[in-house]
Amino acid sequence: MMLSRKAQSAVEFSILIIVIFGALLAIGTYVKRGIQGRWKAAVDDVGEQYDPAYMNTRVMHVMTSSTQTSITTTSAGPRRVWTMREDVSDGSESRFGHVQVSTRVLPQSTTDTDD
C-alpha cells in the first residue's frame, strides 16, 4: 500500500509542475505585451528628434586675430648677445545667425484588411 501512495504523490507533484509551467506560458504573452507597451509609451514621450532634412540653419562664424612679434637683440660683451622677444596678440570671435525648424507630418500607417 505504501508503494501506491508514493506513486500517487509523484503523479500529483508532476501534475502540479505541469499546471504551474502552463500558467507561466499563458501569462508570458501578456507580460511581453505589457513591457512592449511601456517601451512604446516611453519612446512616444521623447518626441520628435533632430532631422537635418527639416532644418533651415544659417549661422555665420567670424574669427579675426592679429599677432605682432618683435625681437630685440642687445650686445652684452664679446661673443655674447641677449635677445628679448615680445608677442602681442589680439583676437575676437563672433557667431550670429538663425535656425528655423519646419514641422513634418508623419504618414499614418495603414494596414490592409481582407473583407
PDB file of N, CA and C in Angstrom:
ATOM      1  N   MET A   1       0.815  -1.180   0.000  1.00  0.00           N
ATOM      2  CA  MET A   1       0.000   0.000   0.000  1.00  0.00           C
ATOM      3  C   MET A   1       0.868   1.257   0.000  1.00  0.00           C
ATOM      4  N   MET A   2       2.029   1.179   0.607  1.00  0.00           N
ATOM      5  CA  MET A   2       2.907   2.327   0.676  1.00  0.00           C
ATOM      6  C   MET A   2       3.451   2.691  -0.702  1.00  0.00           C
ATOM      7  N   LEU A   3       3.669   1.723  -1.566  1.00  0.00           N
ATOM      8  CA  LEU A   3       4.186   1.970  -2.896  1.00  0.00           C
ATOM      9  C   LEU A   3       3.198   2.766  -3.728  1.00  0.00           C
ATOM     10  N   SER A   4       1.920   2.467  -3.655  1.00  0.00           N
ATOM     11  CA  SER A   4       0.929   3.193  -4.446  1.00  0.00           C
ATOM     12  C   SER A   4       0.771   4.631  -3.942  1.00  0.00           C
ATOM     13  N   ARG A   5       0.934   4.857  -2.656  1.00  0.00           N
ATOM     14  CA  ARG A   5       0.824   6.218  -2.114  1.00  0.00           C
ATOM     15  C   ARG A   5       1.989   7.079  -2.616  1.00  0.00           C
ATOM     16  N   LYS A   6       3.205   6.517  -2.714  1.00  0.00           N
ATOM     17  CA  LYS A   6       4.343   7.254  -3.250  1.00  0.00           C
ATOM     18  C   LYS A   6       4.133   7.559  -4.719  1.00  0.00           C
ATOM     19  N   ALA A   7       3.586   6.619  -5.440  1.00  0.00           N
ATOM     20  CA  ALA A   7       3.323   6.843  -6.862  1.00  0.00           C
ATOM     21  C   ALA A   7       2.276   7.933  -7.032  1.00  0.00           C
ATOM     22  N   GLN A   8       1.250   7.939  -6.179  1.00  0.00           N
ATOM     23  CA  GLN A   8       0.215   8.962  -6.251  1.00  0.00           C
ATOM     24  C   GLN A   8       0.818  10.334  -5.951  1.00  0.00           C
ATOM     25  N   SER A   9       1.719  10.441  -4.986  1.00  0.00           N
ATOM     26  CA  SER A   9       2.369  11.708  -4.658  1.00  0.00           C
ATOM     27  C   SER A   9       3.227  12.194  -5.829  1.00  0.00           C
ATOM     28  N   ALA A  10       3.928  11.303  -6.490  1.00  0.00           N
ATOM     29  CA  ALA A  10       4.757  11.675  -7.637  1.00  0.00           C
ATOM     30  C   ALA A  10       3.896  12.165  -8.788  1.00  0.00           C
ATOM     31  N   VAL A  11       2.767  11.511  -9.025  1.00  0.00           N
ATOM     32  CA  VAL A  11       1.850  11.933 -10.095  1.00  0.00           C
ATOM     33  C   VAL A  11       1.254  13.296  -9.759  1.00  0.00           C
ATOM     34  N   GLU A  12       0.836  13.489  -8.503  1.00  0.00           N
ATOM     35  CA  GLU A  12       0.275  14.787  -8.106  1.00  0.00           C
ATOM     36  C   GLU A  12       1.327  15.888  -8.247  1.00  0.00           C
ATOM     37  N   PHE A  13       2.566  15.599  -7.861  1.00  0.00           N
ATOM     38  CA  PHE A  13       3.638  16.582  -7.987  1.00  0.00           C
ATOM     39  C   PHE A  13       3.908  16.916  -9.455  1.00  0.00           C
ATOM     40  N   SER A  14       3.913  15.919 -10.315  1.00  0.00           N
ATOM     41  CA  SER A  14       4.127  16.140 -11.753  1.00  0.00           C
ATOM     42  C   SER A  14       3.011  16.984 -12.348  1.00  0.00           C
ATOM     43  N   ILE A  15       1.776  16.699 -11.981  1.00  0.00           N
ATOM     44  CA  ILE A  15       0.636  17.475 -12.482  1.00  0.00           C
ATOM     45  C   ILE A  15       0.734  18.922 -11.997  1.00  0.00           C
ATOM     46  N   LEU A  16       1.126  19.113 -10.755  1.00  0.00           N
ATOM     47  CA  LEU A  16       1.284  20.460 -10.213  1.00  0.00           C
ATOM     48  C   LEU A  16       2.355  21.241 -10.988  1.00  0.00           C
ATOM     49  N   ILE A  17       3.483  20.608 -11.279  1.00  0.00           N
ATOM     50  CA  ILE A  17       4.555  21.252 -12.044  1.00  0.00           C
ATOM     51  C   ILE A  17       4.063  21.606 -13.447  1.00  0.00           C
ATOM     52  N   ILE A  18       3.331  20.716 -14.088  1.00  0.00           N
ATOM     53  CA  ILE A  18       2.803  20.972 -15.438  1.00  0.00           C
ATOM     54  C   ILE A  18       1.816  22.133 -15.419  1.00  0.00           C
ATOM     55  N   VAL A  19       0.952  22.199 -14.413  1.00  0.00           N
ATOM     56  CA  VAL A  19      -0.015  23.298 -14.307  1.00  0.00           C
ATOM     57  C   VAL A  19       0.703  24.630 -14.103  1.00  0.00           C
ATOM     58  N   ILE A  20       1.697  24.659 -13.239  1.00  0.00           N
ATOM     59  CA  ILE A  20       2.456  25.903 -12.999  1.00  0.00           C
ATOM     60  C   ILE A  20       3.191  26.325 -14.269  1.00  0.00           C
ATOM     61  N   PHE A  21       3.814  25.389 -14.953  1.00  0.00           N
ATOM     62  CA  PHE A  21       4.516  25.701 -16.189  1.00  0.00           C
ATOM     63  C   PHE A  21       3.555  26.213 -17.261  1.00  0.00           C
ATOM     64  N   GLY A  22       2.389  25.603 -17.370  1.00  0.00           N
ATOM     65  CA  GLY A  22       1.380  26.065 -18.330  1.00  0.00           C
ATOM     66  C   GLY A  22       0.882  27.470 -18.009  1.00  0.00           C
ATOM     67  N   ALA A  23       0.713  27.758 -16.722  1.00  0.00           N
ATOM     68  CA  ALA A  23       0.267  29.102 -16.332  1.00  0.00           C
ATOM     69  C   ALA A  23       1.329  30.142 -16.681  1.00  0.00           C
ATOM     70  N   LEU A  24       2.593  29.819 -16.448  1.00  0.00           N
ATOM     71  CA  LEU A  24       3.678  30.749 -16.809  1.00  0.00           C
ATOM     72  C   LEU A  24       3.730  30.981 -18.317  1.00  0.00           C
ATOM     73  N   LEU A  25       3.522  29.940 -19.092  1.00  0.00           N
ATOM     74  CA  LEU A  25       3.492  30.107 -20.545  1.00  0.00           C
ATOM     75  C   LEU A  25       2.310  30.967 -20.982  1.00  0.00           C
ATOM     76  N   ALA A  26       1.189  30.797 -20.335  1.00  0.00           N
ATOM     77  CA  ALA A  26      -0.011  31.551 -20.720  1.00  0.00           C
ATOM     78  C   ALA A  26       0.139  33.039 -20.390  1.00  0.00           C
ATOM     79  N   ILE A  27       0.739  33.388 -19.257  1.00  0.00           N
ATOM     80  CA  ILE A  27       0.847  34.805 -18.908  1.00  0.00           C
ATOM     81  C   ILE A  27       2.080  35.451 -19.532  1.00  0.00           C
ATOM     82  N   GLY A  28       2.954  34.659 -20.139  1.00  0.00           N
ATOM     83  CA  GLY A  28       4.151  35.204 -20.782  1.00  0.00           C
ATOM     84  C   GLY A  28       3.818  36.202 -21.875  1.00  0.00           C
ATOM     85  N   THR A  29       2.808  35.919 -22.666  1.00  0.00           N
ATOM     86  CA  THR A  29       2.397  36.820 -23.748  1.00  0.00           C
ATOM     87  C   THR A  29       1.919  38.147 -23.176  1.00  0.00           C
ATOM     88  N   TYR A  30       1.164  38.117 -22.109  1.00  0.00           N
ATOM     89  CA  TYR A  30       0.643  39.352 -21.519  1.00  0.00           C
ATOM     90  C   TYR A  30       1.767  40.198 -20.912  1.00  0.00           C
ATOM     91  N   VAL A  31       2.728  39.533 -20.290  1.00  0.00           N
ATOM     92  CA  VAL A  31       3.872  40.250 -19.723  1.00  0.00           C
ATOM     93  C   VAL A  31       4.677  40.894 -20.855  1.00  0.00           C
ATOM     94  N   LYS A  32       4.899  40.155 -21.930  1.00  0.00           N
ATOM     95  CA  LYS A  32       5.660  40.667 -23.069  1.00  0.00           C
ATOM     96  C   LYS A  32       4.958  41.879 -23.672  1.00  0.00           C
ATOM     97  N   ARG A  33       3.651  41.808 -23.856  1.00  0.00           N
ATOM     98  CA  ARG A  33       2.901  42.938 -24.416  1.00  0.00           C
ATOM     99  C   ARG A  33       2.922  44.136 -23.475  1.00  0.00           C
ATOM    100  N   GLY A  34       2.869  43.889 -22.187  1.00  0.00           N
ATOM    101  CA  GLY A  34       2.941  44.988 -21.220  1.00  0.00           C
ATOM    102  C   GLY A  34       4.273  45.723 -21.285  1.00  0.00           C
ATOM    103  N   ILE A  35       5.349  44.968 -21.394  1.00  0.00           N
ATOM    104  CA  ILE A  35       6.675  45.579 -21.491  1.00  0.00           C
ATOM    105  C   ILE A  35       6.799  46.366 -22.796  1.00  0.00           C
ATOM    106  N   GLN A  36       6.311  45.790 -23.898  1.00  0.00           N
ATOM    107  CA  GLN A  36       6.366  46.499 -25.180  1.00  0.00           C
ATOM    108  C   GLN A  36       5.537  47.780 -25.137  1.00  0.00           C
ATOM    109  N   GLY A  37       4.402  47.743 -24.456  1.00  0.00           N
ATOM    110  CA  GLY A  37       3.574  48.944 -24.322  1.00  0.00           C
ATOM    111  C   GLY A  37       4.272  50.036 -23.540  1.00  0.00           C
ATOM    112  N   ARG A  38       4.975  49.657 -22.484  1.00  0.00           N
ATOM    113  CA  ARG A  38       5.729  50.657 -21.713  1.00  0.00           C
ATOM    114  C   ARG A  38       6.854  51.262 -22.540  1.00  0.00           C
ATOM    115  N   TRP A  39       7.549  50.443 -23.335  1.00  0.00           N
ATOM    116  CA  TRP A  39       8.607  50.960 -24.205  1.00  0.00           C
ATOM    117  C   TRP A  39       8.035  51.939 -25.221  1.00  0.00           C
ATOM    118  N   LYS A  40       6.891  51.593 -25.807  1.00  0.00           N
ATOM    119  CA  LYS A  40       6.284  52.483 -26.801  1.00  0.00           C
ATOM    120  C   LYS A  40       5.882  53.803 -26.165  1.00  0.00           C
ATOM    121  N   ALA A  41       5.326  53.764 -24.977  1.00  0.00           N
ATOM    122  CA  ALA A  41       4.933  54.993 -24.290  1.00  0.00           C
ATOM    123  C   ALA A  41       6.156  55.845 -23.974  1.00  0.00           C
ATOM    124  N   ALA A  42       7.245  55.214 -23.574  1.00  0.00           N
ATOM    125  CA  ALA A  42       8.462  55.965 -23.259  1.00  0.00           C
ATOM    126  C   ALA A  42       9.040  56.614 -24.513  1.00  0.00           C
ATOM    127  N   VAL A  43       9.031  55.891 -25.627  1.00  0.00           N
ATOM    128  CA  VAL A  43       9.547  56.436 -26.880  1.00  0.00           C
ATOM    129  C   VAL A  43       8.652  57.561 -27.378  1.00  0.00           C
ATOM    130  N   ASP A  44       7.354  57.423 -27.239  1.00  0.00           N
ATOM    131  CA  ASP A  44       6.441  58.482 -27.665  1.00  0.00           C
ATOM    132  C   ASP A  44       6.614  59.736 -26.818  1.00  0.00           C
ATOM    133  N   ASP A  45       6.973  59.585 -25.556  1.00  0.00           N
ATOM    134  CA  ASP A  45       7.190  60.745 -24.691  1.00  0.00           C
ATOM    135  C   ASP A  45       8.438  61.526 -25.079  1.00  0.00           C
ATOM    136  N   VAL A  46       9.406  60.871 -25.695  1.00  0.00           N
ATOM    137  CA  VAL A  46      10.635  61.550 -26.096  1.00  0.00           C
ATOM    138  C   VAL A  46      10.324  62.603 -27.145  1.00  0.00           C
ATOM    139  N   GLY A  47       9.414  62.328 -28.031  1.00  0.00           N
ATOM    140  CA  GLY A  47       9.042  63.300 -29.054  1.00  0.00           C
ATOM    141  C   GLY A  47       9.881  63.156 -30.306  1.00  0.00           C
ATOM    142  N   GLU A  48       9.757  64.168 -31.154  1.00  0.00           N
ATOM    143  CA  GLU A  48      10.443  64.141 -32.430  1.00  0.00           C
ATOM    144  C   GLU A  48      11.893  64.556 -32.254  1.00  0.00           C
ATOM    145  N   GLN A  49      12.776  63.860 -32.923  1.00  0.00           N
ATOM    146  CA  GLN A  49      14.200  64.111 -32.793  1.00  0.00           C
ATOM    147  C   GLN A  49      14.696  65.021 -33.911  1.00  0.00           C
ATOM    148  N   TYR A  50      15.927  65.458 -33.795  1.00  0.00           N
ATOM    149  CA  TYR A  50      16.560  66.325 -34.781  1.00  0.00           C
ATOM    150  C   TYR A  50      16.681  65.601 -36.108  1.00  0.00           C
ATOM    151  N   ASP A  51      16.255  66.250 -37.162  1.00  0.00           N
ATOM    152  CA  ASP A  51      16.374  65.707 -38.506  1.00  0.00           C
ATOM    153  C   ASP A  51      16.877  66.823 -39.407  1.00  0.00           C
ATOM    154  N   PRO A  52      18.103  66.728 -39.927  1.00  0.00           N
ATOM    155  CA  PRO A  52      18.646  67.826 -40.720  1.00  0.00           C
ATOM    156  C   PRO A  52      17.865  68.092 -42.002  1.00  0.00           C
ATOM    157  N   ALA A  53      17.079  67.130 -42.465  1.00  0.00           N
ATOM    158  CA  ALA A  53      16.287  67.351 -43.672  1.00  0.00           C
ATOM    159  C   ALA A  53      15.207  68.398 -43.448  1.00  0.00           C
ATOM    160  N   TYR A  54      14.805  68.622 -42.204  1.00  0.00           N
ATOM    161  CA  TYR A  54      13.742  69.570 -41.903  1.00  0.00           C
ATOM    162  C   TYR A  54      14.261  70.798 -41.157  1.00  0.00           C
ATOM    163  N   MET A  55      15.560  71.043 -41.238  1.00  0.00           N
ATOM    164  CA  MET A  55      16.151  72.201 -40.573  1.00  0.00           C
ATOM    165  C   MET A  55      16.628  73.200 -41.623  1.00  0.00           C
ATOM    166  N   ASN A  56      16.417  74.468 -41.346  1.00  0.00           N
ATOM    167  CA  ASN A  56      16.961  75.540 -42.163  1.00  0.00           C
ATOM    168  C   ASN A  56      17.864  76.349 -41.253  1.00  0.00           C
ATOM    169  N   THR A  57      19.168  76.142 -41.369  1.00  0.00           N
ATOM    170  CA  THR A  57      20.121  76.749 -40.454  1.00  0.00           C
ATOM    171  C   THR A  57      21.042  77.677 -41.238  1.00  0.00           C
ATOM    172  N   ARG A  58      21.204  78.864 -40.701  1.00  0.00           N
ATOM    173  CA  ARG A  58      22.157  79.803 -41.298  1.00  0.00           C
ATOM    174  C   ARG A  58      22.924  80.448 -40.142  1.00  0.00           C
ATOM    175  N   VAL A  59      24.150  80.040 -39.968  1.00  0.00           N
ATOM    176  CA  VAL A  59      24.984  80.559 -38.888  1.00  0.00           C
ATOM    177  C   VAL A  59      26.297  81.017 -39.508  1.00  0.00           C
ATOM    178  N   MET A  60      26.706  82.227 -39.179  1.00  0.00           N
ATOM    179  CA  MET A  60      27.972  82.750 -39.668  1.00  0.00           C
ATOM    180  C   MET A  60      28.939  82.827 -38.489  1.00  0.00           C
ATOM    181  N   HIS A  61      30.107  82.309 -38.709  1.00  0.00           N
ATOM    182  CA  HIS A  61      31.142  82.287 -37.675  1.00  0.00           C
ATOM    183  C   HIS A  61      32.290  83.143 -38.183  1.00  0.00           C
ATOM    184  N   VAL A  62      32.606  84.206 -37.457  1.00  0.00           N
ATOM    185  CA  VAL A  62      33.675  85.115 -37.859  1.00  0.00           C
ATOM    186  C   VAL A  62      34.734  85.111 -36.769  1.00  0.00           C
ATOM    187  N   MET A  63      35.966  84.868 -37.174  1.00  0.00           N
ATOM    188  CA  MET A  63      37.070  84.890 -36.225  1.00  0.00           C
ATOM    189  C   MET A  63      38.168  85.771 -36.823  1.00  0.00           C
ATOM    190  N   THR A  64      38.582  86.770 -36.082  1.00  0.00           N
ATOM    191  CA  THR A  64      39.677  87.635 -36.524  1.00  0.00           C
ATOM    192  C   THR A  64      40.759  87.617 -35.464  1.00  0.00           C
ATOM    193  N   SER A  65      41.989  87.666 -35.918  1.00  0.00           N
ATOM    194  CA  SER A  65      43.105  87.720 -34.971  1.00  0.00           C
ATOM    195  C   SER A  65      44.282  88.422 -35.634  1.00  0.00           C
ATOM    196  N   SER A  66      45.073  89.047 -34.812  1.00  0.00           N
ATOM    197  CA  SER A  66      46.307  89.671 -35.304  1.00  0.00           C
ATOM    198  C   SER A  66      47.380  89.441 -34.253  1.00  0.00           C
ATOM    199  N   THR A  67      48.595  89.226 -34.717  1.00  0.00           N
ATOM    200  CA  THR A  67      49.719  88.991 -33.829  1.00  0.00           C
ATOM    201  C   THR A  67      50.882  89.874 -34.273  1.00  0.00           C
ATOM    202  N   GLN A  68      51.507  90.505 -33.309  1.00  0.00           N
ATOM    203  CA  GLN A  68      52.680  91.331 -33.587  1.00  0.00           C
ATOM    204  C   GLN A  68      53.823  90.783 -32.752  1.00  0.00           C
ATOM    205  N   THR A  69      54.913  90.444 -33.410  1.00  0.00           N
ATOM    206  CA  THR A  69      56.074  89.882 -32.736  1.00  0.00           C
ATOM    207  C   THR A  69      57.265  90.797 -32.969  1.00  0.00           C
ATOM    208  N   SER A  70      57.970  91.130 -31.896  1.00  0.00           N
ATOM    209  CA  SER A  70      59.201  91.919 -32.035  1.00  0.00           C
ATOM    210  C   SER A  70      60.315  91.220 -31.264  1.00  0.00           C
ATOM    211  N   ILE A  71      61.481  91.140 -31.900  1.00  0.00           N
ATOM    212  CA  ILE A  71      62.658  90.528 -31.290  1.00  0.00           C
ATOM    213  C   ILE A  71      63.748  91.590 -31.239  1.00  0.00           C
ATOM    214  N   THR A  72      64.278  91.818 -30.049  1.00  0.00           N
ATOM    215  CA  THR A  72      65.320  92.807 -29.843  1.00  0.00           C
ATOM    216  C   THR A  72      66.579  92.095 -29.394  1.00  0.00           C
ATOM    217  N   THR A  73      67.696  92.409 -30.036  1.00  0.00           N
ATOM    218  CA  THR A  73      68.978  91.822 -29.641  1.00  0.00           C
ATOM    219  C   THR A  73      69.870  92.926 -29.075  1.00  0.00           C
ATOM    220  N   THR A  74      70.591  92.586 -28.037  1.00  0.00           N
ATOM    221  CA  THR A  74      71.491  93.528 -27.377  1.00  0.00           C
ATOM    222  C   THR A  74      72.837  92.845 -27.179  1.00  0.00           C
ATOM    223  N   SER A  75      73.893  93.543 -27.504  1.00  0.00           N
ATOM    224  CA  SER A  75      75.231  93.008 -27.311  1.00  0.00           C
ATOM    225  C   SER A  75      75.594  93.121 -25.834  1.00  0.00           C
ATOM    226  N   ALA A  76      76.067  92.033 -25.263  1.00  0.00           N
ATOM    227  CA  ALA A  76      76.422  92.005 -23.851  1.00  0.00           C
ATOM    228  C   ALA A  76      77.897  91.701 -23.668  1.00  0.00           C
ATOM    229  N   GLY A  77      78.711  92.111 -24.565  1.00  0.00           N
ATOM    230  CA  GLY A  77      80.134  91.841 -24.468  1.00  0.00           C
ATOM    231  C   GLY A  77      80.593  91.058 -25.677  1.00  0.00           C
ATOM    232  N   PRO A  78      81.870  90.701 -25.657  1.00  0.00           N
ATOM    233  CA  PRO A  78      82.370  89.935 -26.801  1.00  0.00           C
ATOM    234  C   PRO A  78      81.739  88.542 -26.851  1.00  0.00           C
ATOM    235  N   ARG A  79      81.226  88.245 -27.978  1.00  0.00           N
ATOM    236  CA  ARG A  79      80.625  86.941 -28.292  1.00  0.00           C
ATOM    237  C   ARG A  79      79.416  86.629 -27.409  1.00  0.00           C
ATOM    238  N   ARG A  80      78.752  87.672 -26.888  1.00  0.00           N
ATOM    239  CA  ARG A  80      77.535  87.467 -26.093  1.00  0.00           C
ATOM    240  C   ARG A  80      76.443  88.367 -26.632  1.00  0.00           C
ATOM    241  N   VAL A  81      75.285  87.766 -26.786  1.00  0.00           N
ATOM    242  CA  VAL A  81      74.136  88.522 -27.290  1.00  0.00           C
ATOM    243  C   VAL A  81      72.925  88.169 -26.445  1.00  0.00           C
ATOM    244  N   TRP A  82      72.205  89.180 -26.012  1.00  0.00           N
ATOM    245  CA  TRP A  82      70.938  88.981 -25.294  1.00  0.00           C
ATOM    246  C   TRP A  82      69.811  89.232 -26.274  1.00  0.00           C
ATOM    247  N   THR A  83      68.826  88.353 -26.236  1.00  0.00           N
ATOM    248  CA  THR A  83      67.649  88.561 -27.098  1.00  0.00           C
ATOM    249  C   THR A  83      66.415  88.672 -26.222  1.00  0.00           C
ATOM    250  N   MET A  84      65.484  89.477 -26.681  1.00  0.00           N
ATOM    251  CA  MET A  84      64.205  89.622 -25.997  1.00  0.00           C
ATOM    252  C   MET A  84      63.104  89.536 -27.048  1.00  0.00           C
ATOM    253  N   ARG A  85      62.133  88.709 -26.782  1.00  0.00           N
ATOM    254  CA  ARG A  85      61.024  88.530 -27.715  1.00  0.00           C
ATOM    255  C   ARG A  85      59.742  89.001 -27.040  1.00  0.00           C
ATOM    256  N   GLU A  86      58.926  89.719 -27.789  1.00  0.00           N
ATOM    257  CA  GLU A  86      57.653  90.215 -27.268  1.00  0.00           C
ATOM    258  C   GLU A  86      56.564  89.895 -28.288  1.00  0.00           C
ATOM    259  N   ASP A  87      55.550  89.173 -27.831  1.00  0.00           N
ATOM    260  CA  ASP A  87      54.410  88.816 -28.684  1.00  0.00           C
ATOM    261  C   ASP A  87      53.172  89.522 -28.164  1.00  0.00           C
ATOM    262  N   VAL A  88      52.460  90.170 -29.056  1.00  0.00           N
ATOM    263  CA  VAL A  88      51.198  90.808 -28.711  1.00  0.00           C
ATOM    264  C   VAL A  88      50.142  90.233 -29.634  1.00  0.00           C
ATOM    265  N   SER A  89      49.113  89.614 -29.048  1.00  0.00           N
ATOM    266  CA  SER A  89      48.042  89.014 -29.844  1.00  0.00           C
ATOM    267  C   SER A  89      46.722  89.657 -29.497  1.00  0.00           C
ATOM    268  N   ASP A  90      45.891  89.779 -30.495  1.00  0.00           N
ATOM    269  CA  ASP A  90      44.548  90.331 -30.310  1.00  0.00           C
ATOM    270  C   ASP A  90      43.613  89.485 -31.160  1.00  0.00           C
ATOM    271  N   GLY A  91      42.529  89.048 -30.580  1.00  0.00           N
ATOM    272  CA  GLY A  91      41.599  88.223 -31.340  1.00  0.00           C
ATOM    273  C   GLY A  91      40.171  88.427 -30.891  1.00  0.00           C
ATOM    274  N   SER A  92      39.277  88.163 -31.799  1.00  0.00           N
ATOM    275  CA  SER A  92      37.848  88.216 -31.466  1.00  0.00           C
ATOM    276  C   SER A  92      37.131  87.145 -32.265  1.00  0.00           C
ATOM    277  N   GLU A  93      36.021  86.695 -31.703  1.00  0.00           N
ATOM    278  CA  GLU A  93      35.241  85.639 -32.339  1.00  0.00           C
ATOM    279  C   GLU A  93      33.774  85.959 -32.148  1.00  0.00           C
ATOM    280  N   SER A  94      33.000  85.815 -33.205  1.00  0.00           N
ATOM    281  CA  SER A  94      31.565  86.071 -33.083  1.00  0.00           C
ATOM    282  C   SER A  94      30.798  85.094 -33.961  1.00  0.00           C
ATOM    283  N   ARG A  95      29.618  84.767 -33.501  1.00  0.00           N
ATOM    284  CA  ARG A  95      28.709  83.881 -34.236  1.00  0.00           C
ATOM    285  C   ARG A  95      27.345  84.534 -34.243  1.00  0.00           C
ATOM    286  N   PHE A  96      26.710  84.508 -35.377  1.00  0.00           N
ATOM    287  CA  PHE A  96      25.350  85.022 -35.453  1.00  0.00           C
ATOM    288  C   PHE A  96      24.623  84.291 -36.567  1.00  0.00           C
ATOM    289  N   GLY A  97      23.311  84.258 -36.466  1.00  0.00           N
ATOM    290  CA  GLY A  97      22.515  83.577 -37.466  1.00  0.00           C
ATOM    291  C   GLY A  97      21.175  83.179 -36.899  1.00  0.00           C
ATOM    292  N   HIS A  98      20.504  82.281 -37.594  1.00  0.00           N
ATOM    293  CA  HIS A  98      19.201  81.811 -37.141  1.00  0.00           C
ATOM    294  C   HIS A  98      19.018  80.342 -37.514  1.00  0.00           C
ATOM    295  N   VAL A  99      18.124  79.723 -36.803  1.00  0.00           N
ATOM    296  CA  VAL A  99      17.759  78.328 -37.063  1.00  0.00           C
ATOM    297  C   VAL A  99      16.249  78.275 -37.184  1.00  0.00           C
ATOM    298  N   GLN A 100      15.771  77.713 -38.253  1.00  0.00           N
ATOM    299  CA  GLN A 100      14.334  77.587 -38.466  1.00  0.00           C
ATOM    300  C   GLN A 100      13.997  76.111 -38.605  1.00  0.00           C
ATOM    301  N   VAL A 101      13.028  75.661 -37.848  1.00  0.00           N
ATOM    302  CA  VAL A 101      12.622  74.264 -37.871  1.00  0.00           C
ATOM    303  C   VAL A 101      11.239  74.194 -38.483  1.00  0.00           C
ATOM    304  N   SER A 102      11.125  73.414 -39.543  1.00  0.00           N
ATOM    305  CA  SER A 102       9.804  73.206 -40.125  1.00  0.00           C
ATOM    306  C   SER A 102       9.260  71.894 -39.584  1.00  0.00           C
ATOM    307  N   THR A 103       8.009  71.879 -39.261  1.00  0.00           N
ATOM    308  CA  THR A 103       7.413  70.662 -38.712  1.00  0.00           C
ATOM    309  C   THR A 103       7.088  69.730 -39.854  1.00  0.00           C
ATOM    310  N   ARG A 104       7.206  68.488 -39.582  1.00  0.00           N
ATOM    311  CA  ARG A 104       6.880  67.494 -40.596  1.00  0.00           C
ATOM    312  C   ARG A 104       5.730  66.641 -40.093  1.00  0.00           C
ATOM    313  N   VAL A 105       4.933  66.193 -41.001  1.00  0.00           N
ATOM    314  CA  VAL A 105       3.800  65.342 -40.662  1.00  0.00           C
ATOM    315  C   VAL A 105       4.180  63.920 -41.017  1.00  0.00           C
ATOM    316  N   LEU A 106       4.151  63.067 -40.020  1.00  0.00           N
ATOM    317  CA  LEU A 106       4.472  61.665 -40.260  1.00  0.00           C
ATOM    318  C   LEU A 106       3.290  60.975 -40.922  1.00  0.00           C
ATOM    319  N   PRO A 107       3.562  60.174 -41.939  1.00  0.00           N
ATOM    320  CA  PRO A 107       2.452  59.468 -42.588  1.00  0.00           C
ATOM    321  C   PRO A 107       1.852  58.435 -41.649  1.00  0.00           C
ATOM    322  N   GLN A 108       0.556  58.306 -41.697  1.00  0.00           N
ATOM    323  CA  GLN A 108      -0.135  57.311 -40.886  1.00  0.00           C
ATOM    324  C   GLN A 108       0.013  55.952 -41.539  1.00  0.00           C
ATOM    325  N   SER A 109       0.341  54.960 -40.747  1.00  0.00           N
ATOM    326  CA  SER A 109       0.480  53.616 -41.307  1.00  0.00           C
ATOM    327  C   SER A 109      -0.902  52.999 -41.423  1.00  0.00           C
ATOM    328  N   THR A 110      -1.128  52.365 -42.526  1.00  0.00           N
ATOM    329  CA  THR A 110      -2.414  51.710 -42.772  1.00  0.00           C
ATOM    330  C   THR A 110      -2.167  50.232 -42.947  1.00  0.00           C
ATOM    331  N   THR A 111      -3.089  49.463 -42.505  1.00  0.00           N
ATOM    332  CA  THR A 111      -2.993  48.018 -42.679  1.00  0.00           C
ATOM    333  C   THR A 111      -4.138  47.570 -43.569  1.00  0.00           C
ATOM    334  N   ASP A 112      -3.830  46.688 -44.457  1.00  0.00           N
ATOM    335  CA  ASP A 112      -4.852  46.152 -45.364  1.00  0.00           C
ATOM    336  C   ASP A 112      -5.634  45.060 -44.640  1.00  0.00           C
ATOM    337  N   THR A 113      -6.917  45.142 -44.732  1.00  0.00           N
ATOM    338  CA  THR A 113      -7.753  44.101 -44.148  1.00  0.00           C
ATOM    339  C   THR A 113      -8.556  43.441 -45.242  1.00  0.00           C
ATOM    340  N   ASP A 114      -8.691  42.184 -45.133  1.00  0.00           N
ATOM    341  CA  ASP A 114      -9.486  41.430 -46.102  1.00  0.00           C
ATOM    342  C   ASP A 114     -10.927  41.449 -45.684  1.00  0.00           C
ATOM    343  N   ASP A 115     -11.789  41.913 -46.556  1.00  0.00           N
ATOM    344  CA  ASP A 115     -13.236  41.950 -46.276  1.00  0.00           C
ATOM    345  C   ASP A 115     -13.936  40.746 -46.819  1.00  0.00           C
TER     346      ASP A 115
END
